[in-house]
N, C-alpha and C. Protein backbone atom coordinates (compact mmCIF):
# COMPACT_ATOMS: atom_id res chain seq x y z
N MET A 1 -122.55 144.98 -19.04
CA MET A 1 -121.08 144.41 -19.62
C MET A 1 -120.20 145.68 -20.07
N SER A 2 -119.23 145.98 -19.02
CA SER A 2 -118.56 147.33 -19.16
C SER A 2 -117.40 147.02 -20.03
N GLY A 3 -117.05 147.93 -21.04
CA GLY A 3 -115.76 147.92 -21.79
C GLY A 3 -115.95 147.08 -23.14
N GLY A 4 -117.16 146.21 -23.10
CA GLY A 4 -117.07 144.91 -24.14
C GLY A 4 -118.30 145.24 -24.93
N TYR A 5 -118.83 144.03 -25.61
CA TYR A 5 -120.14 144.26 -26.25
C TYR A 5 -121.03 143.69 -25.35
N PRO A 6 -122.43 143.94 -25.51
CA PRO A 6 -123.58 143.86 -24.65
C PRO A 6 -123.78 142.10 -24.92
N VAL A 7 -124.55 141.67 -23.96
CA VAL A 7 -124.83 140.07 -23.80
C VAL A 7 -125.72 139.84 -25.09
N ARG A 8 -126.52 140.82 -25.43
CA ARG A 8 -127.36 140.53 -26.59
C ARG A 8 -126.67 140.39 -27.80
N VAL A 9 -125.64 140.94 -28.14
CA VAL A 9 -124.76 140.96 -29.19
C VAL A 9 -124.13 139.46 -29.20
N TRP A 10 -123.54 139.10 -28.17
CA TRP A 10 -122.85 137.93 -27.76
C TRP A 10 -123.91 136.64 -28.02
N LEU A 11 -125.05 136.98 -27.65
CA LEU A 11 -126.08 136.00 -27.70
C LEU A 11 -126.39 135.72 -29.31
N LEU A 12 -126.09 136.76 -30.20
CA LEU A 12 -126.45 136.43 -31.52
C LEU A 12 -125.14 136.16 -32.34
N TRP A 13 -123.89 136.50 -31.70
CA TRP A 13 -122.62 136.23 -32.50
C TRP A 13 -122.37 134.73 -32.12
N VAL A 14 -122.40 134.23 -31.05
CA VAL A 14 -122.31 132.97 -30.62
C VAL A 14 -122.86 131.95 -31.93
N PRO A 15 -124.16 131.97 -31.85
CA PRO A 15 -124.96 131.11 -32.85
C PRO A 15 -124.54 131.38 -34.19
N ALA A 16 -124.10 132.75 -34.59
CA ALA A 16 -123.71 132.80 -35.98
C ALA A 16 -122.42 132.11 -36.20
N GLY A 17 -121.48 132.35 -35.27
CA GLY A 17 -120.11 131.65 -35.36
C GLY A 17 -120.21 130.07 -35.34
N LEU A 18 -121.29 129.70 -34.79
CA LEU A 18 -121.46 128.09 -34.80
C LEU A 18 -122.02 127.69 -36.14
N LEU A 19 -122.88 128.62 -36.68
CA LEU A 19 -123.52 128.15 -37.77
C LEU A 19 -122.45 128.21 -39.03
N LEU A 20 -121.65 129.28 -38.93
CA LEU A 20 -120.49 129.55 -39.86
C LEU A 20 -119.51 128.37 -39.59
N LEU A 21 -119.18 127.92 -38.80
CA LEU A 21 -118.46 126.70 -38.38
C LEU A 21 -119.12 125.23 -38.96
N LEU A 22 -120.24 125.29 -38.86
CA LEU A 22 -120.97 124.11 -39.42
C LEU A 22 -120.96 124.31 -40.74
N ALA A 23 -121.22 125.29 -41.39
CA ALA A 23 -121.30 125.42 -42.84
C ALA A 23 -119.76 124.96 -43.46
N VAL A 24 -118.67 125.53 -42.75
CA VAL A 24 -117.25 124.93 -43.31
C VAL A 24 -117.19 123.55 -42.98
N VAL A 25 -117.59 123.02 -41.84
CA VAL A 25 -117.38 121.61 -41.79
C VAL A 25 -118.34 120.68 -42.98
N LEU A 26 -119.49 121.27 -43.02
CA LEU A 26 -120.17 120.40 -44.14
C LEU A 26 -119.51 120.67 -45.52
N TYR A 27 -119.16 121.88 -45.77
CA TYR A 27 -118.65 121.92 -47.13
C TYR A 27 -117.39 121.23 -47.21
N GLY A 28 -116.52 121.18 -46.17
CA GLY A 28 -115.25 120.48 -46.15
C GLY A 28 -115.68 118.96 -46.25
N TYR A 29 -116.65 118.52 -45.60
CA TYR A 29 -116.91 116.90 -45.73
C TYR A 29 -117.26 116.58 -47.09
N GLY A 30 -118.27 117.53 -47.77
CA GLY A 30 -118.80 117.42 -49.13
C GLY A 30 -117.52 117.54 -50.05
N ARG A 31 -116.64 118.20 -49.83
CA ARG A 31 -115.54 118.57 -50.82
C ARG A 31 -114.39 117.57 -50.60
N PHE A 32 -113.93 117.06 -49.57
CA PHE A 32 -112.87 116.37 -49.04
C PHE A 32 -113.24 114.88 -48.42
N GLY A 33 -114.41 114.78 -47.93
CA GLY A 33 -114.86 113.40 -47.64
C GLY A 33 -115.33 112.40 -48.38
N GLY A 34 -115.58 111.49 -47.77
CA GLY A 34 -116.39 110.35 -48.66
C GLY A 34 -115.44 109.32 -49.17
N THR A 35 -116.00 108.45 -49.98
CA THR A 35 -115.30 107.28 -50.35
C THR A 35 -115.72 107.06 -51.78
N THR A 36 -114.81 106.53 -52.74
CA THR A 36 -115.09 106.15 -53.98
C THR A 36 -115.04 104.45 -54.27
N PRO A 37 -116.33 103.90 -54.03
CA PRO A 37 -116.21 102.65 -54.18
C PRO A 37 -116.01 102.24 -55.87
N ASP A 38 -115.60 101.05 -56.01
CA ASP A 38 -115.28 100.61 -57.44
C ASP A 38 -115.95 99.28 -57.39
N GLU A 39 -116.11 98.71 -58.83
CA GLU A 39 -116.73 97.34 -59.05
C GLU A 39 -116.22 96.37 -58.21
N ALA A 40 -115.04 96.18 -57.84
CA ALA A 40 -114.37 95.10 -57.15
C ALA A 40 -115.12 95.34 -55.55
N ASP A 41 -115.27 96.36 -55.02
CA ASP A 41 -115.47 96.63 -53.64
C ASP A 41 -116.62 97.64 -53.61
N PRO A 42 -117.89 97.34 -54.00
CA PRO A 42 -118.87 98.19 -54.14
C PRO A 42 -119.34 98.57 -52.57
N TYR A 43 -120.06 99.94 -52.67
CA TYR A 43 -120.82 100.29 -51.58
C TYR A 43 -122.09 99.57 -51.35
N ARG A 44 -122.53 99.03 -50.23
CA ARG A 44 -123.90 98.44 -50.08
C ARG A 44 -124.84 99.67 -49.57
N TRP A 45 -125.71 100.09 -50.32
CA TRP A 45 -126.82 100.97 -50.14
C TRP A 45 -128.10 100.33 -49.58
N ARG A 46 -128.33 100.68 -48.21
CA ARG A 46 -129.40 100.32 -47.57
C ARG A 46 -130.38 101.50 -47.15
N PRO A 47 -131.46 101.50 -48.11
CA PRO A 47 -132.44 102.52 -47.91
C PRO A 47 -133.28 102.30 -46.57
N PRO A 48 -133.72 103.23 -46.00
CA PRO A 48 -134.24 104.38 -46.35
C PRO A 48 -133.11 105.59 -46.26
N ALA A 49 -132.03 105.11 -45.76
CA ALA A 49 -130.99 106.18 -45.88
C ALA A 49 -130.79 106.85 -47.20
N PRO A 50 -130.61 108.13 -47.48
CA PRO A 50 -130.41 108.64 -48.81
C PRO A 50 -129.06 108.18 -49.29
N LEU A 51 -128.80 108.28 -50.58
CA LEU A 51 -127.57 108.10 -51.21
C LEU A 51 -126.98 109.30 -51.47
N VAL A 52 -125.88 109.98 -51.12
CA VAL A 52 -125.30 111.24 -51.23
C VAL A 52 -124.09 111.04 -51.91
N ILE A 53 -124.16 111.68 -53.40
CA ILE A 53 -123.20 111.67 -54.16
C ILE A 53 -122.30 113.13 -54.27
N SER A 54 -121.17 113.33 -54.13
CA SER A 54 -120.40 114.33 -54.27
C SER A 54 -119.68 114.23 -55.51
N HIS A 55 -119.98 115.39 -56.36
CA HIS A 55 -119.29 115.58 -57.67
C HIS A 55 -118.09 116.76 -57.20
N HIS A 56 -117.00 116.24 -57.36
CA HIS A 56 -116.00 117.39 -56.90
C HIS A 56 -115.67 118.36 -58.19
N PRO A 57 -115.26 119.49 -57.88
CA PRO A 57 -115.11 120.64 -58.78
C PRO A 57 -113.64 120.38 -59.36
N GLY A 58 -113.34 120.90 -60.46
CA GLY A 58 -111.95 120.93 -60.93
C GLY A 58 -111.72 119.62 -61.80
N LEU A 59 -112.82 118.71 -61.96
CA LEU A 59 -112.44 117.51 -62.80
C LEU A 59 -112.68 117.78 -64.23
N THR A 60 -112.22 117.44 -65.14
CA THR A 60 -112.18 117.76 -66.58
C THR A 60 -113.27 116.69 -67.28
N GLU A 61 -113.27 115.40 -66.55
CA GLU A 61 -114.26 114.44 -67.12
C GLU A 61 -115.43 114.47 -66.13
N ALA A 62 -116.42 113.79 -66.87
CA ALA A 62 -117.67 113.64 -65.96
C ALA A 62 -117.34 112.42 -64.76
N SER A 63 -118.03 112.93 -63.65
CA SER A 63 -117.96 111.67 -62.63
C SER A 63 -119.58 111.13 -62.59
N TRP A 64 -119.39 109.89 -62.20
CA TRP A 64 -120.86 109.35 -62.17
C TRP A 64 -120.60 108.11 -61.10
N CYS A 65 -121.83 107.73 -60.84
CA CYS A 65 -122.23 106.51 -59.83
C CYS A 65 -123.18 105.60 -60.51
N GLN A 66 -122.90 104.32 -60.40
CA GLN A 66 -123.85 103.30 -60.91
C GLN A 66 -124.59 102.62 -59.78
N VAL A 67 -125.84 102.60 -59.77
CA VAL A 67 -126.62 101.82 -58.74
C VAL A 67 -127.22 100.74 -59.43
N ASN A 68 -126.86 99.49 -58.68
CA ASN A 68 -127.26 98.14 -59.26
C ASN A 68 -128.23 97.57 -58.12
N PRO A 69 -129.57 97.78 -58.14
CA PRO A 69 -130.39 97.16 -57.03
C PRO A 69 -130.62 95.57 -57.05
N ASP A 70 -130.76 95.22 -55.86
CA ASP A 70 -131.09 93.63 -55.89
C ASP A 70 -132.46 93.23 -56.80
N ALA A 71 -133.25 94.27 -56.58
CA ALA A 71 -134.57 94.23 -57.31
C ALA A 71 -135.08 95.63 -57.80
N GLY A 72 -134.75 95.62 -59.03
CA GLY A 72 -135.24 96.94 -59.60
C GLY A 72 -134.26 97.28 -60.68
N GLU A 73 -134.88 98.52 -61.28
CA GLU A 73 -134.06 98.98 -62.36
C GLU A 73 -132.70 99.81 -61.99
N PRO A 74 -131.67 99.36 -62.70
CA PRO A 74 -130.20 100.14 -62.31
C PRO A 74 -130.36 101.62 -62.78
N ARG A 75 -129.52 102.38 -62.31
CA ARG A 75 -129.47 103.63 -62.50
C ARG A 75 -128.00 104.30 -62.54
N THR A 76 -127.87 105.23 -63.39
CA THR A 76 -126.51 105.87 -63.46
C THR A 76 -126.64 107.60 -63.09
N PHE A 77 -126.02 108.05 -62.22
CA PHE A 77 -126.09 109.40 -61.86
C PHE A 77 -124.88 110.14 -62.05
N GLN A 78 -124.76 110.82 -63.07
CA GLN A 78 -123.50 111.55 -63.66
C GLN A 78 -123.77 113.19 -63.54
N SER A 79 -122.63 113.73 -63.48
CA SER A 79 -122.40 115.05 -63.55
C SER A 79 -121.28 115.55 -64.42
N SER A 80 -121.61 116.19 -65.35
CA SER A 80 -120.64 116.81 -66.33
C SER A 80 -119.96 118.09 -65.76
N ARG A 81 -118.67 118.13 -66.14
CA ARG A 81 -117.97 119.36 -65.51
C ARG A 81 -118.55 120.52 -66.42
N SER A 82 -118.94 120.66 -67.62
CA SER A 82 -119.43 121.60 -68.54
C SER A 82 -120.70 122.31 -67.74
N ARG A 83 -121.51 121.47 -66.90
CA ARG A 83 -122.58 121.83 -66.24
C ARG A 83 -122.20 122.37 -64.88
N SER A 84 -121.32 121.94 -64.45
CA SER A 84 -121.01 122.65 -63.10
C SER A 84 -119.82 122.53 -62.75
N GLY A 85 -119.04 123.86 -62.35
CA GLY A 85 -117.70 123.79 -62.30
C GLY A 85 -117.40 124.02 -60.70
N SER A 86 -118.31 123.92 -59.82
CA SER A 86 -118.08 123.88 -58.33
C SER A 86 -118.65 122.69 -57.79
N LEU A 87 -118.39 122.46 -56.49
CA LEU A 87 -118.92 121.35 -55.78
C LEU A 87 -120.32 121.18 -55.88
N ARG A 88 -120.56 119.66 -56.17
CA ARG A 88 -122.21 119.60 -56.46
C ARG A 88 -122.51 118.24 -55.54
N ILE A 89 -123.45 118.43 -54.74
CA ILE A 89 -124.05 117.39 -53.94
C ILE A 89 -125.28 116.98 -54.37
N GLN A 90 -125.48 115.61 -54.57
CA GLN A 90 -126.63 115.07 -55.12
C GLN A 90 -127.14 114.13 -54.25
N VAL A 91 -128.48 114.29 -53.67
CA VAL A 91 -129.04 113.52 -52.70
C VAL A 91 -130.16 112.65 -53.55
N GLU A 92 -130.03 111.27 -53.41
CA GLU A 92 -130.96 110.44 -54.29
C GLU A 92 -131.77 109.45 -53.10
N ARG A 93 -132.90 109.50 -53.41
CA ARG A 93 -133.86 108.26 -52.66
C ARG A 93 -134.00 107.06 -53.38
N ALA A 94 -134.01 106.17 -52.72
CA ALA A 94 -134.49 104.76 -53.19
C ALA A 94 -135.69 104.80 -54.13
N TRP A 95 -135.71 104.27 -55.33
CA TRP A 95 -136.81 103.86 -56.29
C TRP A 95 -137.06 102.44 -56.39
N PHE A 96 -136.44 101.78 -55.28
CA PHE A 96 -136.38 100.30 -55.33
C PHE A 96 -136.74 99.75 -54.05
N ASP A 97 -137.11 98.35 -53.89
CA ASP A 97 -137.31 97.73 -52.80
C ASP A 97 -135.98 96.99 -52.38
N GLY A 98 -135.32 96.91 -51.18
CA GLY A 98 -134.22 96.12 -50.85
C GLY A 98 -133.00 96.99 -50.70
N GLU A 99 -131.80 96.25 -51.13
CA GLU A 99 -130.69 97.11 -51.18
C GLU A 99 -129.97 97.16 -52.55
N ALA A 100 -128.93 97.73 -52.53
CA ALA A 100 -128.18 97.79 -54.03
C ALA A 100 -126.71 98.06 -53.77
N ASN A 101 -126.08 97.71 -54.75
CA ASN A 101 -124.69 97.98 -54.77
C ASN A 101 -124.25 99.16 -55.49
N VAL A 102 -123.33 99.91 -55.30
CA VAL A 102 -123.21 101.20 -55.66
C VAL A 102 -121.65 101.26 -55.99
N PHE A 103 -121.36 101.75 -57.23
CA PHE A 103 -119.72 102.01 -57.58
C PHE A 103 -119.61 103.28 -58.28
N CYS A 104 -118.60 104.05 -58.20
CA CYS A 104 -118.39 105.19 -58.67
C CYS A 104 -117.20 105.39 -59.35
N GLN A 105 -117.24 106.41 -60.32
CA GLN A 105 -115.78 106.69 -61.02
C GLN A 105 -115.81 108.41 -60.90
N ARG A 106 -114.74 108.73 -60.03
CA ARG A 106 -114.48 110.26 -60.00
C ARG A 106 -115.36 110.79 -58.95
N ALA A 107 -116.43 110.17 -58.59
CA ALA A 107 -117.45 110.89 -57.60
C ALA A 107 -117.36 110.26 -56.35
N LYS A 108 -117.72 110.75 -55.20
CA LYS A 108 -117.42 110.14 -53.95
C LYS A 108 -118.76 109.98 -53.36
N LEU A 109 -119.02 109.02 -52.40
CA LEU A 109 -120.20 108.99 -51.64
C LEU A 109 -119.98 109.38 -50.26
N LEU A 110 -120.92 110.07 -49.69
CA LEU A 110 -120.63 110.73 -48.38
C LEU A 110 -121.40 109.75 -47.58
N THR A 111 -120.93 108.88 -46.82
CA THR A 111 -121.66 107.87 -46.20
C THR A 111 -121.58 107.97 -44.59
N GLY A 112 -120.89 109.12 -44.22
CA GLY A 112 -120.93 109.28 -42.65
C GLY A 112 -122.24 109.82 -42.23
N PRO A 113 -122.21 110.05 -40.75
CA PRO A 113 -123.44 110.79 -40.31
C PRO A 113 -123.60 112.16 -40.97
N LEU A 114 -122.53 112.93 -41.27
CA LEU A 114 -122.75 114.12 -41.93
C LEU A 114 -123.32 114.14 -43.39
N GLY A 115 -123.23 113.02 -43.91
CA GLY A 115 -123.40 112.83 -45.43
C GLY A 115 -124.89 113.55 -45.94
N ARG A 116 -125.89 113.00 -44.94
CA ARG A 116 -127.38 113.47 -45.53
C ARG A 116 -127.52 114.93 -45.27
N PHE A 117 -126.52 115.62 -44.44
CA PHE A 117 -126.52 117.18 -44.27
C PHE A 117 -125.87 117.93 -45.30
N ALA A 118 -124.80 117.07 -46.00
CA ALA A 118 -123.73 118.01 -46.32
C ALA A 118 -124.04 119.02 -47.83
N ASP A 119 -125.36 118.77 -48.23
CA ASP A 119 -125.69 119.64 -49.22
C ASP A 119 -126.48 120.88 -48.59
N GLN A 120 -126.60 120.96 -47.30
CA GLN A 120 -127.00 122.14 -46.59
C GLN A 120 -126.01 123.17 -46.23
N TRP A 121 -124.79 122.91 -46.65
CA TRP A 121 -123.80 123.88 -46.17
C TRP A 121 -124.13 125.42 -46.58
N PHE A 122 -124.62 125.52 -47.67
CA PHE A 122 -124.89 126.85 -47.93
C PHE A 122 -126.15 127.60 -47.15
N VAL A 123 -127.06 126.74 -46.76
CA VAL A 123 -127.93 127.26 -45.78
C VAL A 123 -127.35 127.65 -44.49
N ALA A 124 -126.58 127.02 -43.88
CA ALA A 124 -126.06 127.25 -42.65
C ALA A 124 -125.33 128.48 -42.82
N ALA A 125 -124.45 128.68 -44.05
CA ALA A 125 -123.69 129.87 -44.20
C ALA A 125 -124.48 131.07 -44.40
N PHE A 126 -125.77 130.84 -44.99
CA PHE A 126 -126.83 131.97 -45.35
C PHE A 126 -127.12 132.37 -43.69
N LEU A 127 -127.62 131.41 -43.09
CA LEU A 127 -128.09 131.87 -41.58
C LEU A 127 -127.11 132.34 -40.80
N ALA A 128 -125.98 132.07 -41.06
CA ALA A 128 -124.96 132.59 -40.25
C ALA A 128 -124.76 134.13 -40.51
N LEU A 129 -124.79 134.55 -41.75
CA LEU A 129 -124.78 135.88 -42.21
C LEU A 129 -126.08 136.62 -41.62
N VAL A 130 -127.28 135.89 -41.75
CA VAL A 130 -128.43 136.55 -41.37
C VAL A 130 -128.38 136.93 -39.94
N VAL A 131 -127.96 136.16 -39.14
CA VAL A 131 -127.89 136.31 -37.52
C VAL A 131 -126.84 137.46 -37.48
N ALA A 132 -125.74 137.33 -38.09
CA ALA A 132 -124.47 138.29 -37.85
C ALA A 132 -125.28 139.77 -38.14
N ALA A 133 -126.02 139.77 -39.34
CA ALA A 133 -126.58 140.96 -39.73
C ALA A 133 -127.61 141.58 -38.65
N ILE A 134 -128.43 140.74 -38.15
CA ILE A 134 -129.44 141.10 -37.32
C ILE A 134 -128.44 141.70 -36.04
N SER A 135 -127.23 141.22 -35.59
CA SER A 135 -126.70 141.76 -34.51
C SER A 135 -126.26 143.17 -34.58
N ALA A 136 -125.91 143.56 -36.01
CA ALA A 136 -125.47 145.02 -36.11
C ALA A 136 -126.19 146.07 -35.61
N PRO A 137 -127.69 146.18 -35.97
CA PRO A 137 -128.34 147.05 -35.15
C PRO A 137 -128.35 147.05 -33.76
N VAL A 138 -128.52 146.03 -33.37
CA VAL A 138 -128.47 145.79 -31.70
C VAL A 138 -127.08 146.49 -31.27
N LEU A 139 -126.15 146.10 -31.96
CA LEU A 139 -124.64 146.80 -31.31
C LEU A 139 -124.66 148.22 -31.65
N ARG A 140 -125.30 148.78 -32.69
CA ARG A 140 -125.19 150.14 -33.05
C ARG A 140 -126.24 150.87 -31.88
N ARG A 141 -127.35 150.27 -31.69
CA ARG A 141 -128.13 150.91 -30.53
C ARG A 141 -127.47 151.01 -29.25
N TYR A 142 -126.79 149.81 -28.90
CA TYR A 142 -125.98 149.90 -27.68
C TYR A 142 -124.98 151.03 -27.65
N ARG A 143 -124.17 150.98 -28.60
CA ARG A 143 -123.19 151.95 -28.58
C ARG A 143 -123.75 153.55 -28.78
N ARG A 144 -124.96 153.69 -29.20
CA ARG A 144 -125.55 155.04 -29.08
C ARG A 144 -126.00 155.18 -27.72
N ARG A 145 -126.53 154.23 -26.95
CA ARG A 145 -126.94 154.44 -25.69
C ARG A 145 -125.98 154.56 -24.56
N HIS A 146 -124.61 153.81 -24.93
CA HIS A 146 -123.63 153.67 -24.01
C HIS A 146 -122.49 154.15 -24.56
N PRO A 147 -122.33 155.48 -24.80
CA PRO A 147 -120.98 155.80 -25.55
C PRO A 147 -119.84 155.69 -24.77
N ALA A 148 -118.59 155.45 -25.50
CA ALA A 148 -117.30 155.26 -24.64
C ALA A 148 -116.92 156.23 -23.85
N PRO A 149 -116.72 156.13 -22.57
CA PRO A 149 -116.20 157.41 -21.88
C PRO A 149 -114.92 158.33 -22.31
N GLU A 150 -115.00 159.38 -22.26
CA GLU A 150 -113.85 160.23 -22.66
C GLU A 150 -112.84 159.86 -21.67
N PRO A 151 -111.52 159.95 -22.19
CA PRO A 151 -110.25 159.69 -21.38
C PRO A 151 -110.32 161.06 -20.53
N ALA A 152 -109.95 160.65 -19.27
CA ALA A 152 -109.76 161.66 -18.24
C ALA A 152 -108.50 162.80 -18.47
N PRO A 153 -108.67 163.93 -18.34
CA PRO A 153 -107.67 164.86 -18.71
C PRO A 153 -106.59 164.70 -17.63
N PRO A 154 -105.25 164.97 -18.15
CA PRO A 154 -104.07 164.70 -17.18
C PRO A 154 -104.26 165.60 -15.76
N PRO A 155 -103.94 165.16 -14.63
CA PRO A 155 -104.00 165.78 -13.54
C PRO A 155 -103.26 167.15 -13.66
N VAL A 156 -103.70 168.17 -12.90
CA VAL A 156 -103.16 169.62 -13.06
C VAL A 156 -102.67 170.02 -11.66
N ALA A 157 -101.31 170.53 -11.77
CA ALA A 157 -100.70 170.95 -10.51
C ALA A 157 -101.34 172.07 -9.96
N PRO A 158 -101.36 172.56 -8.81
CA PRO A 158 -101.84 173.87 -8.26
C PRO A 158 -101.35 174.90 -9.12
N ASP A 159 -100.17 175.05 -9.44
CA ASP A 159 -99.63 176.14 -10.28
C ASP A 159 -100.10 176.06 -11.63
N GLY A 160 -100.86 175.16 -12.24
CA GLY A 160 -101.45 175.09 -13.52
C GLY A 160 -100.60 174.23 -14.54
N SER A 161 -99.51 173.88 -14.05
CA SER A 161 -98.69 172.84 -14.98
C SER A 161 -99.15 171.60 -14.83
N ALA A 162 -99.07 170.64 -15.89
CA ALA A 162 -99.73 169.31 -16.00
C ALA A 162 -98.67 168.42 -15.17
N THR A 163 -99.09 167.64 -14.31
CA THR A 163 -98.25 166.65 -13.52
C THR A 163 -98.13 165.27 -14.34
N LEU A 164 -96.86 164.74 -14.16
CA LEU A 164 -96.79 163.46 -14.92
C LEU A 164 -96.89 162.45 -13.71
N VAL A 165 -97.76 161.35 -14.06
CA VAL A 165 -98.14 160.30 -13.15
C VAL A 165 -97.34 159.21 -13.63
N VAL A 166 -96.63 158.47 -12.68
CA VAL A 166 -95.79 157.41 -13.17
C VAL A 166 -96.34 156.23 -12.16
N ASP A 167 -96.83 155.12 -13.02
CA ASP A 167 -97.40 153.76 -12.61
C ASP A 167 -96.26 153.21 -11.81
N ALA A 168 -96.26 152.80 -10.62
CA ALA A 168 -95.27 151.91 -10.11
C ALA A 168 -95.29 150.44 -10.28
N HIS A 169 -96.23 150.12 -11.12
CA HIS A 169 -96.21 148.55 -11.32
C HIS A 169 -95.52 147.97 -12.36
């Protein structure tokens, strides 16, 4: 590949960029996505799908979700702002048989297809950095083996003076 980066570097940068994009999408979904079901309109949790709770940063009060199974012990999942000042994604598995009603206050449920992966945004960002870091030695080795060509000296007239070349385009 003349004048650009070698194919090996592109083959590393493309997955790194895609992993970084995935990390941004997962973090954004965890931070801004989801719904907040209330007691009047609860979310119906149907295991074996996990319950993914997003406790948002910047709230001064605790956020929580109450799970009331049809058959089993109810539980409350709470996050205090004093414990965590940043986005906190909590993934819970069912401890009961059947289904449950879930309602929340200041917490959001991530119920979409990305919900079960939203807590993996940091892993995707870390992998993107690792893949990008691996490409640095490959690029350095390529540049050592294929140095940039020196610019050609200006043409010299027979009398020794430099001639001016004008591009007619």
